Each structure stands twice: as C-alpha cells, then as structure tokens.
Amino acid sequence: MKKGIHPESYRLVAFKDMSNEHTFITRSSAASRENIEIDGVEYPLIKVEISNTSHPFYTGKMKLVDTAGRVDKFMTRYQQHMDKRK
C-alpha cells in the first residue's frame, strides 16, 4: 500500500438510512454537520438514501422509483409558466 494516502482521523459515526430510518454505527472519517444521540452517546450523523437494509439486492424486494412521473410533472408546470410569459 502507498503511505500517506489514508486518513488518520477515523472515529465512530452514525449512518442513518432515510428510506427506512435504520441507524448503524461504524468507523468513518466522513465530515458531518449534524449529531445524533444513541444510548446516551452523541455521534456525528451522516444521512444516506439507501443502505443494505433498504437496497433491493439485499432485501429481495423491488422498489419502483417514479422519476419519469416527476419529470413529466415538472415539464407540465414549466410549459404553463412559459405559456403565461407569452
């Protein structure tokens, strides 16, 4: 391994899966602006959108994300805005 490329500041950090509210604690050097108290101990908090407790590969459940519907909704609103400007 190359020397001097790995961070020296590993500490305990809480990661929170925002899709199912699962929280787990592990060592990390990731920067955090928020803190969370777990069992009377305060940890830096990192919010993640997906983890092993919510990922379809690990859970066996397929979850459909409706991004196309959101894009269509935005385009409809944007078109209405442009029509008003004419």
N, C-alpha and C. Protein backbone atom coordinates (compact mmCIF):
# COMPACT_ATOMS: atom_id res chain seq x y z
N MET A 1 0.83 -1.19 0.00
CA MET A 1 0.00 0.00 0.00
C MET A 1 0.88 1.25 0.00
N LYS A 2 0.35 2.30 -0.60
CA LYS A 2 1.05 3.57 -0.59
C LYS A 2 0.91 4.21 0.78
N LYS A 3 1.94 4.85 1.22
CA LYS A 3 1.92 5.52 2.52
C LYS A 3 1.42 6.95 2.35
N GLY A 4 0.70 7.43 3.36
CA GLY A 4 0.26 8.82 3.39
C GLY A 4 -1.01 9.11 2.61
N ILE A 5 -1.70 8.08 2.09
CA ILE A 5 -2.93 8.36 1.33
C ILE A 5 -4.19 8.03 2.13
N HIS A 6 -4.04 7.37 3.27
CA HIS A 6 -5.21 7.00 4.07
C HIS A 6 -5.40 8.01 5.20
N PRO A 7 -6.66 8.35 5.50
CA PRO A 7 -6.90 9.33 6.57
C PRO A 7 -6.52 8.77 7.94
N GLU A 8 -6.15 9.66 8.82
CA GLU A 8 -5.74 9.26 10.18
C GLU A 8 -6.87 9.50 11.19
N SER A 9 -7.91 10.21 10.79
CA SER A 9 -8.93 10.66 11.74
C SER A 9 -10.19 9.80 11.73
N TYR A 10 -10.07 8.50 11.85
CA TYR A 10 -11.25 7.64 11.93
C TYR A 10 -11.88 7.80 13.30
N ARG A 11 -13.22 7.86 13.33
CA ARG A 11 -13.96 7.97 14.58
C ARG A 11 -15.29 7.26 14.39
N LEU A 12 -16.00 7.02 15.48
CA LEU A 12 -17.32 6.39 15.38
C LEU A 12 -18.32 7.39 14.83
N VAL A 13 -19.08 6.98 13.82
CA VAL A 13 -20.06 7.83 13.15
C VAL A 13 -21.35 7.03 12.99
N ALA A 14 -22.49 7.70 13.17
CA ALA A 14 -23.80 7.07 12.97
C ALA A 14 -24.27 7.37 11.55
N PHE A 15 -24.64 6.33 10.82
CA PHE A 15 -25.21 6.46 9.48
C PHE A 15 -26.69 6.15 9.58
N LYS A 16 -27.54 7.03 9.02
CA LYS A 16 -28.99 6.84 9.08
C LYS A 16 -29.55 6.70 7.68
N ASP A 17 -30.20 5.56 7.43
CA ASP A 17 -30.86 5.30 6.15
C ASP A 17 -32.18 6.06 6.17
N MET A 18 -32.33 7.06 5.30
CA MET A 18 -33.51 7.93 5.33
C MET A 18 -34.75 7.24 4.76
N SER A 19 -34.61 6.15 4.04
CA SER A 19 -35.78 5.49 3.47
C SER A 19 -36.50 4.61 4.48
N ASN A 20 -35.79 4.11 5.50
CA ASN A 20 -36.46 3.26 6.50
C ASN A 20 -36.06 3.59 7.93
N GLU A 21 -35.33 4.68 8.14
CA GLU A 21 -34.94 5.18 9.46
C GLU A 21 -34.00 4.24 10.22
N HIS A 22 -33.36 3.29 9.55
CA HIS A 22 -32.41 2.39 10.21
C HIS A 22 -31.11 3.15 10.46
N THR A 23 -30.56 3.03 11.67
CA THR A 23 -29.32 3.71 12.04
C THR A 23 -28.28 2.66 12.44
N PHE A 24 -27.07 2.82 11.94
CA PHE A 24 -25.98 1.94 12.35
C PHE A 24 -24.73 2.76 12.59
N ILE A 25 -23.87 2.25 13.46
CA ILE A 25 -22.66 2.96 13.87
C ILE A 25 -21.45 2.21 13.35
N THR A 26 -20.53 2.95 12.74
CA THR A 26 -19.29 2.37 12.24
C THR A 26 -18.21 3.44 12.28
N ARG A 27 -16.99 3.05 12.00
CA ARG A 27 -15.89 4.00 11.99
C ARG A 27 -15.80 4.65 10.60
N SER A 28 -15.58 5.96 10.59
CA SER A 28 -15.51 6.70 9.34
C SER A 28 -14.74 7.99 9.55
N SER A 29 -14.29 8.57 8.46
CA SER A 29 -13.63 9.88 8.51
C SER A 29 -14.49 10.92 7.79
N ALA A 30 -15.73 10.56 7.43
CA ALA A 30 -16.62 11.47 6.70
C ALA A 30 -17.00 12.66 7.58
N ALA A 31 -17.05 13.84 6.97
CA ALA A 31 -17.41 15.06 7.70
C ALA A 31 -18.92 15.11 7.90
N SER A 32 -19.33 15.67 9.03
CA SER A 32 -20.75 15.75 9.35
C SER A 32 -21.07 17.09 9.99
N ARG A 33 -22.27 17.60 9.70
CA ARG A 33 -22.73 18.85 10.31
C ARG A 33 -23.73 18.60 11.43
N GLU A 34 -24.28 17.39 11.47
CA GLU A 34 -25.31 17.07 12.45
C GLU A 34 -24.82 16.01 13.41
N ASN A 35 -25.46 15.96 14.59
CA ASN A 35 -25.16 14.95 15.59
C ASN A 35 -26.44 14.24 15.98
N ILE A 36 -26.29 13.02 16.50
CA ILE A 36 -27.43 12.25 16.97
C ILE A 36 -27.01 11.55 18.27
N GLU A 37 -27.95 11.43 19.20
CA GLU A 37 -27.66 10.74 20.45
C GLU A 37 -28.26 9.34 20.41
N ILE A 38 -27.42 8.35 20.64
CA ILE A 38 -27.85 6.95 20.66
C ILE A 38 -27.35 6.34 21.96
N ASP A 39 -28.26 5.83 22.76
CA ASP A 39 -27.93 5.20 24.05
C ASP A 39 -27.10 6.12 24.94
N GLY A 40 -27.42 7.41 24.92
CA GLY A 40 -26.74 8.38 25.78
C GLY A 40 -25.40 8.85 25.26
N VAL A 41 -24.99 8.42 24.09
CA VAL A 41 -23.72 8.84 23.50
C VAL A 41 -24.01 9.62 22.22
N GLU A 42 -23.33 10.75 22.05
CA GLU A 42 -23.55 11.59 20.87
C GLU A 42 -22.54 11.24 19.78
N TYR A 43 -23.05 11.02 18.55
CA TYR A 43 -22.24 10.66 17.40
C TYR A 43 -22.49 11.65 16.27
N PRO A 44 -21.49 11.89 15.42
CA PRO A 44 -21.75 12.64 14.19
C PRO A 44 -22.72 11.83 13.33
N LEU A 45 -23.63 12.50 12.62
CA LEU A 45 -24.66 11.83 11.83
C LEU A 45 -24.43 12.05 10.35
N ILE A 46 -24.44 10.96 9.59
CA ILE A 46 -24.37 11.00 8.13
C ILE A 46 -25.66 10.38 7.62
N LYS A 47 -26.41 11.13 6.81
CA LYS A 47 -27.67 10.62 6.26
C LYS A 47 -27.40 10.01 4.88
N VAL A 48 -27.91 8.79 4.66
CA VAL A 48 -27.76 8.12 3.39
C VAL A 48 -29.13 7.78 2.84
N GLU A 49 -29.27 7.75 1.52
CA GLU A 49 -30.56 7.46 0.91
C GLU A 49 -30.86 5.98 0.86
N ILE A 50 -29.83 5.15 0.81
CA ILE A 50 -30.05 3.72 0.70
C ILE A 50 -28.90 2.99 1.40
N SER A 51 -29.23 1.89 2.07
CA SER A 51 -28.22 1.08 2.74
C SER A 51 -28.57 -0.39 2.51
N ASN A 52 -27.85 -1.27 3.17
CA ASN A 52 -28.12 -2.69 2.98
C ASN A 52 -29.49 -3.10 3.52
N THR A 53 -30.09 -2.30 4.40
CA THR A 53 -31.41 -2.64 4.93
C THR A 53 -32.55 -2.20 4.02
N SER A 54 -32.25 -1.38 2.99
CA SER A 54 -33.31 -0.94 2.09
C SER A 54 -33.00 -1.20 0.61
N HIS A 55 -31.80 -1.68 0.30
CA HIS A 55 -31.42 -1.93 -1.09
C HIS A 55 -32.12 -3.18 -1.62
N PRO A 56 -32.72 -3.12 -2.80
CA PRO A 56 -33.44 -4.28 -3.35
C PRO A 56 -32.59 -5.54 -3.47
N PHE A 57 -31.30 -5.42 -3.71
CA PHE A 57 -30.45 -6.59 -3.83
C PHE A 57 -30.41 -7.38 -2.52
N TYR A 58 -30.35 -6.67 -1.40
CA TYR A 58 -30.25 -7.32 -0.10
C TYR A 58 -31.62 -7.70 0.47
N THR A 59 -32.65 -6.92 0.17
CA THR A 59 -33.98 -7.20 0.73
C THR A 59 -34.79 -8.16 -0.11
N GLY A 60 -34.47 -8.26 -1.41
CA GLY A 60 -35.24 -9.12 -2.30
C GLY A 60 -36.52 -8.48 -2.79
N LYS A 61 -36.76 -7.23 -2.44
CA LYS A 61 -37.96 -6.51 -2.86
C LYS A 61 -37.57 -5.46 -3.89
N MET A 62 -38.31 -5.41 -4.96
CA MET A 62 -38.06 -4.39 -5.97
C MET A 62 -38.91 -3.17 -5.65
N LYS A 63 -38.29 -2.01 -5.70
CA LYS A 63 -38.97 -0.77 -5.38
C LYS A 63 -38.90 0.13 -6.61
N LEU A 64 -40.04 0.54 -7.13
CA LEU A 64 -40.10 1.36 -8.32
C LEU A 64 -39.97 2.83 -7.93
N VAL A 65 -39.01 3.51 -8.52
CA VAL A 65 -38.82 4.93 -8.28
C VAL A 65 -39.41 5.67 -9.47
N ASP A 66 -40.36 6.52 -9.22
CA ASP A 66 -41.09 7.20 -10.28
C ASP A 66 -40.40 8.50 -10.66
N THR A 67 -39.26 8.40 -11.33
CA THR A 67 -38.57 9.61 -11.76
C THR A 67 -39.20 10.18 -13.02
N ALA A 68 -39.72 9.33 -13.88
CA ALA A 68 -40.33 9.83 -15.12
C ALA A 68 -41.57 10.65 -14.79
N GLY A 69 -42.36 10.22 -13.84
CA GLY A 69 -43.54 10.99 -13.44
C GLY A 69 -43.18 12.35 -12.91
N ARG A 70 -42.10 12.43 -12.18
CA ARG A 70 -41.66 13.72 -11.64
C ARG A 70 -41.19 14.64 -12.76
N VAL A 71 -40.49 14.08 -13.72
CA VAL A 71 -40.01 14.88 -14.85
C VAL A 71 -41.20 15.39 -15.66
N ASP A 72 -42.17 14.54 -15.93
CA ASP A 72 -43.36 14.95 -16.68
C ASP A 72 -44.11 16.05 -15.94
N LYS A 73 -44.22 15.92 -14.64
CA LYS A 73 -44.92 16.92 -13.83
C LYS A 73 -44.19 18.26 -13.93
N PHE A 74 -42.84 18.24 -13.83
CA PHE A 74 -42.06 19.46 -13.95
C PHE A 74 -42.24 20.10 -15.32
N MET A 75 -42.16 19.28 -16.38
CA MET A 75 -42.29 19.82 -17.74
C MET A 75 -43.66 20.45 -17.96
N THR A 76 -44.71 19.86 -17.39
CA THR A 76 -46.05 20.43 -17.50
C THR A 76 -46.10 21.79 -16.81
N ARG A 77 -45.55 21.87 -15.59
CA ARG A 77 -45.54 23.16 -14.87
C ARG A 77 -44.69 24.18 -15.60
N TYR A 78 -43.55 23.77 -16.14
CA TYR A 78 -42.66 24.69 -16.85
C TYR A 78 -43.35 25.20 -18.12
N GLN A 79 -44.07 24.33 -18.83
CA GLN A 79 -44.77 24.73 -20.04
C GLN A 79 -45.84 25.75 -19.72
N GLN A 80 -46.56 25.55 -18.62
CA GLN A 80 -47.58 26.51 -18.19
C GLN A 80 -46.94 27.85 -17.89
N HIS A 81 -45.78 27.84 -17.25
CA HIS A 81 -45.06 29.08 -16.95
C HIS A 81 -44.65 29.81 -18.22
N MET A 82 -44.15 29.05 -19.20
CA MET A 82 -43.73 29.65 -20.46
C MET A 82 -44.91 30.21 -21.25
N ASP A 83 -46.06 29.51 -21.17
CA ASP A 83 -47.27 29.99 -21.85
C ASP A 83 -47.74 31.31 -21.27
N LYS A 84 -47.62 31.50 -19.97
CA LYS A 84 -48.02 32.74 -19.30
C LYS A 84 -47.13 33.91 -19.69
N ARG A 85 -45.88 33.63 -20.00
CA ARG A 85 -44.93 34.70 -20.36
C ARG A 85 -45.19 35.25 -21.75
N LYS A 86 -45.88 34.50 -22.60
CA LYS A 86 -46.12 34.95 -23.98
C LYS A 86 -47.17 36.01 -24.07
